[in-house]
PDB file of all heavy atoms in Angstrom:
ATOM      1  N   ASN A   1     105.755  97.349 108.097  1.00  0.00           N
ATOM      2  CA  ASN A   1     106.219  95.961 108.122  1.00  0.00           C
ATOM      3  C   ASN A   1     105.003  95.019 108.087  1.00  0.00           C
ATOM      4  O   ASN A   1     105.139  93.946 107.409  1.00  0.00           O
ATOM      5  CB  ASN A   1     106.992  95.690 109.431  1.00  0.00           C
ATOM      6  CG  ASN A   1     108.383  96.391 109.330  1.00  0.00           C
ATOM      7  OD1 ASN A   1     108.952  96.629 108.308  1.00  0.00           O
ATOM      8  ND2 ASN A   1     108.880  96.748 110.584  1.00  0.00           N
ATOM      9  N   PHE A   2     103.937  95.268 108.774  1.00  0.00           N
ATOM     10  CA  PHE A   2     102.835  94.505 108.657  1.00  0.00           C
ATOM     11  C   PHE A   2     102.362  94.291 107.279  1.00  0.00           C
ATOM     12  O   PHE A   2     101.951  93.147 106.854  1.00  0.00           O
ATOM     13  CB  PHE A   2     101.723  95.023 109.597  1.00  0.00           C
ATOM     14  CG  PHE A   2     100.348  94.472 109.439  1.00  0.00           C
ATOM     15  CD1 PHE A   2     100.086  93.201 110.015  1.00  0.00           C
ATOM     16  CD2 PHE A   2      99.333  95.019 108.846  1.00  0.00           C
ATOM     17  CE1 PHE A   2      98.906  92.616 109.895  1.00  0.00           C
ATOM     18  CE2 PHE A   2      98.107  94.464 108.604  1.00  0.00           C
ATOM     19  CZ  PHE A   2      97.794  93.213 109.185  1.00  0.00           C
ATOM     20  N   ILE A   3     102.234  95.404 106.534  1.00  0.00           N
ATOM     21  CA  ILE A   3     101.753  95.320 105.131  1.00  0.00           C
ATOM     22  C   ILE A   3     102.696  94.679 104.237  1.00  0.00           C
ATOM     23  O   ILE A   3     102.415  93.741 103.399  1.00  0.00           O
ATOM     24  CB  ILE A   3     101.388  96.730 104.628  1.00  0.00           C
ATOM     25  CG1 ILE A   3     100.207  97.302 105.489  1.00  0.00           C
ATOM     26  CG2 ILE A   3     101.063  96.763 103.110  1.00  0.00           C
ATOM     27  CD1 ILE A   3      99.954  98.824 105.304  1.00  0.00           C
ATOM     28  N   GLY A   4     104.043  95.168 104.301  1.00  0.00           N
ATOM     29  CA  GLY A   4     104.968  94.694 103.292  1.00  0.00           C
ATOM     30  C   GLY A   4     105.569  93.408 103.510  1.00  0.00           C
ATOM     31  O   GLY A   4     105.806  92.595 102.578  1.00  0.00           O
ATOM     32  N   LYS A   5     105.798  92.947 104.798  1.00  0.00           N
ATOM     33  CA  LYS A   5     106.518  91.691 105.121  1.00  0.00           C
ATOM     34  C   LYS A   5     105.613  90.598 105.531  1.00  0.00           C
ATOM     35  O   LYS A   5     106.047  89.488 105.597  1.00  0.00           O
ATOM     36  CB  LYS A   5     107.512  92.025 106.287  1.00  0.00           C
ATOM     37  CG  LYS A   5     108.695  93.011 105.763  1.00  0.00           C
ATOM     38  CD  LYS A   5     109.661  93.163 106.893  1.00  0.00           C
ATOM     39  CE  LYS A   5     110.761  94.259 106.379  1.00  0.00           C
ATOM     40  NZ  LYS A   5     111.709  94.364 107.443  1.00  0.00           N
ATOM     41  N   TYR A   6     104.354  90.902 105.897  1.00  0.00           N
ATOM     42  CA  TYR A   6     103.457  89.816 106.336  1.00  0.00           C
ATOM     43  C   TYR A   6     102.186  89.782 105.420  1.00  0.00           C
ATOM     44  O   TYR A   6     101.973  88.719 104.876  1.00  0.00           O
ATOM     45  CB  TYR A   6     102.974  90.190 107.768  1.00  0.00           C
ATOM     46  CG  TYR A   6     101.696  89.315 108.201  1.00  0.00           C
ATOM     47  CD1 TYR A   6     101.817  87.951 108.374  1.00  0.00           C
ATOM     48  CD2 TYR A   6     100.476  89.947 108.375  1.00  0.00           C
ATOM     49  CE1 TYR A   6     100.678  87.190 108.672  1.00  0.00           C
ATOM     50  CE2 TYR A   6      99.345  89.184 108.828  1.00  0.00           C
ATOM     51  CZ  TYR A   6      99.477  87.866 108.912  1.00  0.00           C
ATOM     52  OH  TYR A   6      98.365  87.203 109.310  1.00  0.00           O
ATOM     53  N   LEU A   7     101.532  90.926 105.215  1.00  0.00           N
ATOM     54  CA  LEU A   7     100.266  90.857 104.467  1.00  0.00           C
ATOM     55  C   LEU A   7     100.476  90.581 102.984  1.00  0.00           C
ATOM     56  O   LEU A   7      99.809  89.691 102.355  1.00  0.00           O
ATOM     57  CB  LEU A   7      99.466  92.169 104.686  1.00  0.00           C
ATOM     58  CG  LEU A   7      98.122  92.250 104.060  1.00  0.00           C
ATOM     59  CD1 LEU A   7      97.215  91.202 104.583  1.00  0.00           C
ATOM     60  CD2 LEU A   7      97.513  93.679 104.327  1.00  0.00           C
ATOM     61  N   GLN A   8     101.352  91.351 102.372  1.00  0.00           N
ATOM     62  CA  GLN A   8     101.470  91.237 100.944  1.00  0.00           C
ATOM     63  C   GLN A   8     102.079  89.861 100.514  1.00  0.00           C
ATOM     64  O   GLN A   8     101.528  89.116  99.564  1.00  0.00           O
ATOM     65  CB  GLN A   8     102.437  92.312 100.353  1.00  0.00           C
ATOM     66  CG  GLN A   8     102.545  92.400  98.915  1.00  0.00           C
ATOM     67  CD  GLN A   8     101.122  92.648  98.170  1.00  0.00           C
ATOM     68  OE1 GLN A   8     100.701  93.798  98.227  1.00  0.00           O
ATOM     69  NE2 GLN A   8     100.593  91.735  97.481  1.00  0.00           N
ATOM     70  N   PRO A   9     103.117  89.305 101.179  1.00  0.00           N
ATOM     71  CA  PRO A   9     103.553  87.961 100.879  1.00  0.00           C
ATOM     72  C   PRO A   9     102.467  86.862 101.049  1.00  0.00           C
ATOM     73  O   PRO A   9     102.450  85.938 100.221  1.00  0.00           O
ATOM     74  CB  PRO A   9     104.745  87.723 101.863  1.00  0.00           C
ATOM     75  CG  PRO A   9     105.224  89.120 102.165  1.00  0.00           C
ATOM     76  CD  PRO A   9     104.022  89.962 102.158  1.00  0.00           C
ATOM     77  N   MET A  10     101.720  87.017 102.079  1.00  0.00           N
ATOM     78  CA  MET A  10     100.589  86.012 102.249  1.00  0.00           C
ATOM     79  C   MET A  10      99.628  85.968 101.024  1.00  0.00           C
ATOM     80  O   MET A  10      99.215  85.037 100.588  1.00  0.00           O
ATOM     81  CB  MET A  10      99.911  86.307 103.550  1.00  0.00           C
ATOM     82  CG  MET A  10      98.788  85.225 103.930  1.00  0.00           C
ATOM     83  SD  MET A  10      97.865  85.622 105.402  1.00  0.00           S
ATOM     84  CE  MET A  10      97.045  87.113 104.896  1.00  0.00           C
ATOM     85  N   LEU A  11      99.280  87.281 100.706  1.00  0.00           N
ATOM     86  CA  LEU A  11      98.388  87.446  99.609  1.00  0.00           C
ATOM     87  C   LEU A  11      98.945  86.955  98.291  1.00  0.00           C
ATOM     88  O   LEU A  11      98.300  86.224  97.434  1.00  0.00           O
ATOM     89  CB  LEU A  11      97.962  88.939  99.386  1.00  0.00           C
ATOM     90  CG  LEU A  11      97.142  89.454 100.602  1.00  0.00           C
ATOM     91  CD1 LEU A  11      96.979  90.881 100.423  1.00  0.00           C
ATOM     92  CD2 LEU A  11      95.801  88.831 100.731  1.00  0.00           C
ATOM     93  N   ASP A  12     100.240  87.192  98.095  1.00  0.00           N
ATOM     94  CA  ASP A  12     100.901  86.723  96.810  1.00  0.00           C
ATOM     95  C   ASP A  12     100.948  85.255  96.789  1.00  0.00           C
ATOM     96  O   ASP A  12     100.682  84.624  95.786  1.00  0.00           O
ATOM     97  CB  ASP A  12     102.329  87.307  96.791  1.00  0.00           C
ATOM     98  CG  ASP A  12     102.367  88.781  96.569  1.00  0.00           C
ATOM     99  OD1 ASP A  12     101.393  89.278  96.096  1.00  0.00           O
ATOM    100  OD2 ASP A  12     103.477  89.384  96.853  1.00  0.00           O
ATOM    101  N   ASN A  13     101.206  84.571  97.881  1.00  0.00           N
ATOM    102  CA  ASN A  13     101.298  83.095  97.880  1.00  0.00           C
ATOM    103  C   ASN A  13     100.020  82.376  97.816  1.00  0.00           C
ATOM    104  O   ASN A  13      99.942  81.294  97.156  1.00  0.00           O
ATOM    105  CB  ASN A  13     101.978  82.633  99.247  1.00  0.00           C
ATOM    106  CG  ASN A  13     103.465  82.991  99.334  1.00  0.00           C
ATOM    107  OD1 ASN A  13     104.078  83.138  98.340  1.00  0.00           O
ATOM    108  ND2 ASN A  13     103.905  83.195 100.564  1.00  0.00           N
ATOM    109  N   SER A  14      98.926  82.951  98.259  1.00  0.00           N
ATOM    110  CA  SER A  14      97.601  82.328  98.262  1.00  0.00           C
ATOM    111  C   SER A  14      96.764  82.673  97.092  1.00  0.00           C
ATOM    112  O   SER A  14      95.831  82.011  96.775  1.00  0.00           O
ATOM    113  CB  SER A  14      96.809  82.574  99.512  1.00  0.00           C
ATOM    114  OG  SER A  14      96.680  83.930  99.677  1.00  0.00           O
ATOM    115  N   LEU A  15      97.150  83.760  96.357  1.00  0.00           N
ATOM    116  CA  LEU A  15      96.286  84.227  95.193  1.00  0.00           C
ATOM    117  C   LEU A  15      97.011  84.195  93.920  1.00  0.00           C
ATOM    118  O   LEU A  15      96.770  85.127  93.225  1.00  0.00           O
ATOM    119  CB  LEU A  15      95.755  85.606  95.597  1.00  0.00           C
ATOM    120  CG  LEU A  15      94.731  85.648  96.755  1.00  0.00           C
ATOM    121  CD1 LEU A  15      94.247  87.074  96.963  1.00  0.00           C
ATOM    122  CD2 LEU A  15      93.502  84.812  96.512  1.00  0.00           C
ATOM    123  N   LYS A  16      97.861  83.286  93.719  1.00  0.00           N
ATOM    124  CA  LYS A  16      98.676  83.252  92.471  1.00  0.00           C
ATOM    125  C   LYS A  16      97.728  83.184  91.216  1.00  0.00           C
ATOM    126  O   LYS A  16      98.123  83.697  90.139  1.00  0.00           O
ATOM    127  CB  LYS A  16      99.680  82.105  92.512  1.00  0.00           C
ATOM    128  CG  LYS A  16     100.812  82.385  93.463  1.00  0.00           C
ATOM    129  CD  LYS A  16     101.826  81.230  93.437  1.00  0.00           C
ATOM    130  CE  LYS A  16     103.000  81.560  94.337  1.00  0.00           C
ATOM    131  NZ  LYS A  16     103.959  80.425  94.345  1.00  0.00           N
ATOM    132  N   LYS A  17      96.644  82.581  91.361  1.00  0.00           N
ATOM    133  CA  LYS A  17      95.795  82.391  90.139  1.00  0.00           C
ATOM    134  C   LYS A  17      94.699  83.446  90.137  1.00  0.00           C
ATOM    135  O   LYS A  17      93.779  83.339  89.327  1.00  0.00           O
ATOM    136  CB  LYS A  17      95.093  81.017  90.251  1.00  0.00           C
ATOM    137  CG  LYS A  17      96.107  79.882  90.158  1.00  0.00           C
ATOM    138  CD  LYS A  17      95.383  78.462  90.232  1.00  0.00           C
ATOM    139  CE  LYS A  17      96.360  77.357  89.999  1.00  0.00           C
ATOM    140  NZ  LYS A  17      95.644  76.012  90.070  1.00  0.00           N
ATOM    141  N   HIS A  18      94.753  84.443  91.005  1.00  0.00           N
ATOM    142  CA  HIS A  18      93.732  85.515  91.017  1.00  0.00           C
ATOM    143  C   HIS A  18      94.393  86.808  90.736  1.00  0.00           C
ATOM    144  O   HIS A  18      95.569  87.029  90.908  1.00  0.00           O
ATOM    145  CB  HIS A  18      93.093  85.563  92.489  1.00  0.00           C
ATOM    146  CG  HIS A  18      92.349  84.269  92.815  1.00  0.00           C
ATOM    147  ND1 HIS A  18      91.012  84.095  92.702  1.00  0.00           N
ATOM    148  CD2 HIS A  18      92.837  83.083  93.256  1.00  0.00           C
ATOM    149  CE1 HIS A  18      90.717  82.872  93.141  1.00  0.00           C
ATOM    150  NE2 HIS A  18      91.811  82.235  93.379  1.00  0.00           N
ATOM    151  N   THR A  19      93.508  87.724  90.261  1.00  0.00           N
ATOM    152  CA  THR A  19      93.985  89.106  90.081  1.00  0.00           C
ATOM    153  C   THR A  19      93.828  89.891  91.349  1.00  0.00           C
ATOM    154  O   THR A  19      92.571  89.921  91.807  1.00  0.00           O
ATOM    155  CB  THR A  19      93.260  89.811  88.873  1.00  0.00           C
ATOM    156  OG1 THR A  19      93.503  89.060  87.629  1.00  0.00           O
ATOM    157  CG2 THR A  19      93.701  91.145  88.687  1.00  0.00           C
ATOM    158  N   PHE A  20      94.815  90.451  91.947  1.00  0.00           N
ATOM    159  CA  PHE A  20      94.563  91.116  93.266  1.00  0.00           C
ATOM    160  C   PHE A  20      95.602  92.360  93.251  1.00  0.00           C
ATOM    161  O   PHE A  20      96.674  92.270  92.831  1.00  0.00           O
ATOM    162  CB  PHE A  20      94.929  90.210  94.352  1.00  0.00           C
ATOM    163  CG  PHE A  20      94.718  90.792  95.696  1.00  0.00           C
ATOM    164  CD1 PHE A  20      93.446  90.760  96.351  1.00  0.00           C
ATOM    165  CD2 PHE A  20      95.786  91.430  96.355  1.00  0.00           C
ATOM    166  CE1 PHE A  20      93.286  91.310  97.483  1.00  0.00           C
ATOM    167  CE2 PHE A  20      95.586  92.025  97.562  1.00  0.00           C
ATOM    168  CZ  PHE A  20      94.300  92.017  98.209  1.00  0.00           C
ATOM    169  N   LYS A  21      95.090  93.472  93.773  1.00  0.00           N
ATOM    170  CA  LYS A  21      95.841  94.588  93.930  1.00  0.00           C
ATOM    171  C   LYS A  21      95.709  95.167  95.407  1.00  0.00           C
ATOM    172  O   LYS A  21      94.584  95.438  95.736  1.00  0.00           O
ATOM    173  CB  LYS A  21      95.464  95.704  92.907  1.00  0.00           C
ATOM    174  CG  LYS A  21      96.269  96.981  93.082  1.00  0.00           C
ATOM    175  CD  LYS A  21      95.952  98.017  92.074  1.00  0.00           C
ATOM    176  CE  LYS A  21      96.799  99.324  92.176  1.00  0.00           C
ATOM    177  NZ  LYS A  21      96.423 100.298  91.312  1.00  0.00           N
ATOM    178  N   LEU A  22      96.724  95.184  96.062  1.00  0.00           N
ATOM    179  CA  LEU A  22      96.662  95.710  97.470  1.00  0.00           C
ATOM    180  C   LEU A  22      96.773  97.221  97.426  1.00  0.00           C
ATOM    181  O   LEU A  22      97.797  97.742  96.975  1.00  0.00           O
ATOM    182  CB  LEU A  22      97.861  95.065  98.312  1.00  0.00           C
ATOM    183  CG  LEU A  22      97.928  95.570  99.718  1.00  0.00           C
ATOM    184  CD1 LEU A  22      96.729  95.140 100.553  1.00  0.00           C
ATOM    185  CD2 LEU A  22      99.209  95.060 100.432  1.00  0.00           C
ATOM    186  N   GLN A  23      95.729  97.890  97.977  1.00  0.00           N
ATOM    187  CA  GLN A  23      95.767  99.244  97.933  1.00  0.00           C
ATOM    188  C   GLN A  23      96.023  99.776  99.411  1.00  0.00           C
ATOM    189  O   GLN A  23      95.380  99.326 100.322  1.00  0.00           O
ATOM    190  CB  GLN A  23      94.450  99.937  97.421  1.00  0.00           C
ATOM    191  CG  GLN A  23      94.191  99.627  95.956  1.00  0.00           C
ATOM    192  CD  GLN A  23      92.880 100.291  95.511  1.00  0.00           C
ATOM    193  OE1 GLN A  23      91.964 100.427  96.311  1.00  0.00           O
ATOM    194  NE2 GLN A  23      92.831 100.582  94.231  1.00  0.00           N
ATOM    195  N   VAL A  24      96.980 100.642  99.570  1.00  0.00           N
ATOM    196  CA  VAL A  24      97.327 101.163 100.859  1.00  0.00           C
ATOM    197  C   VAL A  24      97.099 102.565 100.968  1.00  0.00           C
ATOM    198  O   VAL A  24      97.517 103.418 100.122  1.00  0.00           O
ATOM    199  CB  VAL A  24      98.815 100.844 101.182  1.00  0.00           C
ATOM    200  CG1 VAL A  24      99.149 101.362 102.589  1.00  0.00           C
ATOM    201  CG2 VAL A  24      99.113  99.353 101.032  1.00  0.00           C
ATOM    202  N   TYR A  25      96.320 102.968 102.033  1.00  0.00           N
ATOM    203  CA  TYR A  25      96.056 104.400 102.258  1.00  0.00           C
ATOM    204  C   TYR A  25      96.706 104.883 103.462  1.00  0.00           C
ATOM    205  O   TYR A  25      96.424 104.403 104.629  1.00  0.00           O
ATOM    206  CB  TYR A  25      94.533 104.609 102.301  1.00  0.00           C
ATOM    207  CG  TYR A  25      93.760 104.187 101.009  1.00  0.00           C
ATOM    208  CD1 TYR A  25      93.297 102.904 100.935  1.00  0.00           C
ATOM    209  CD2 TYR A  25      93.580 105.044 100.044  1.00  0.00           C
ATOM    210  CE1 TYR A  25      92.614 102.546  99.846  1.00  0.00           C
ATOM    211  CE2 TYR A  25      92.924 104.672  98.800  1.00  0.00           C
ATOM    212  CZ  TYR A  25      92.467 103.388  98.738  1.00  0.00           C
ATOM    213  OH  TYR A  25      91.747 102.898  97.630  1.00  0.00           O
ATOM    214  N   TYR A  26      97.543 105.833 103.378  1.00  0.00           N
ATOM    215  CA  TYR A  26      98.287 106.346 104.563  1.00  0.00           C
ATOM    216  C   TYR A  26      97.581 107.671 105.014  1.00  0.00           C
ATOM    217  O   TYR A  26      97.302 108.527 104.175  1.00  0.00           O
ATOM    218  CB  TYR A  26      99.784 106.623 104.221  1.00  0.00           C
ATOM    219  CG  TYR A  26     100.522 105.415 103.934  1.00  0.00           C
ATOM    220  CD1 TYR A  26     100.824 104.922 102.677  1.00  0.00           C
ATOM    221  CD2 TYR A  26     100.968 104.675 105.016  1.00  0.00           C
ATOM    222  CE1 TYR A  26     101.585 103.795 102.397  1.00  0.00           C
ATOM    223  CE2 TYR A  26     101.729 103.495 104.834  1.00  0.00           C
ATOM    224  CZ  TYR A  26     102.009 103.038 103.424  1.00  0.00           C
ATOM    225  OH  TYR A  26     102.633 101.986 103.241  1.00  0.00           O
ATOM    226  N   PRO A  27      97.349 107.791 106.360  1.00  0.00           N
ATOM    227  CA  PRO A  27      96.740 108.929 106.872  1.00  0.00           C
ATOM    228  C   PRO A  27      97.716 110.166 106.863  1.00  0.00           C
ATOM    229  O   PRO A  27      98.911 109.989 106.779  1.00  0.00           O
ATOM    230  CB  PRO A  27      96.485 108.592 108.269  1.00  0.00           C
ATOM    231  CG  PRO A  27      97.506 107.589 108.660  1.00  0.00           C
ATOM    232  CD  PRO A  27      97.709 106.782 107.376  1.00  0.00           C
TER     233      PRO A  27
END
């Protein structure tokens, strides 16, 4: 939830003019 519902939307909203890829590594 932290990644999908908080982190990713924040990045999407603030970096619309930037190329960004969120990489998630699960243990």
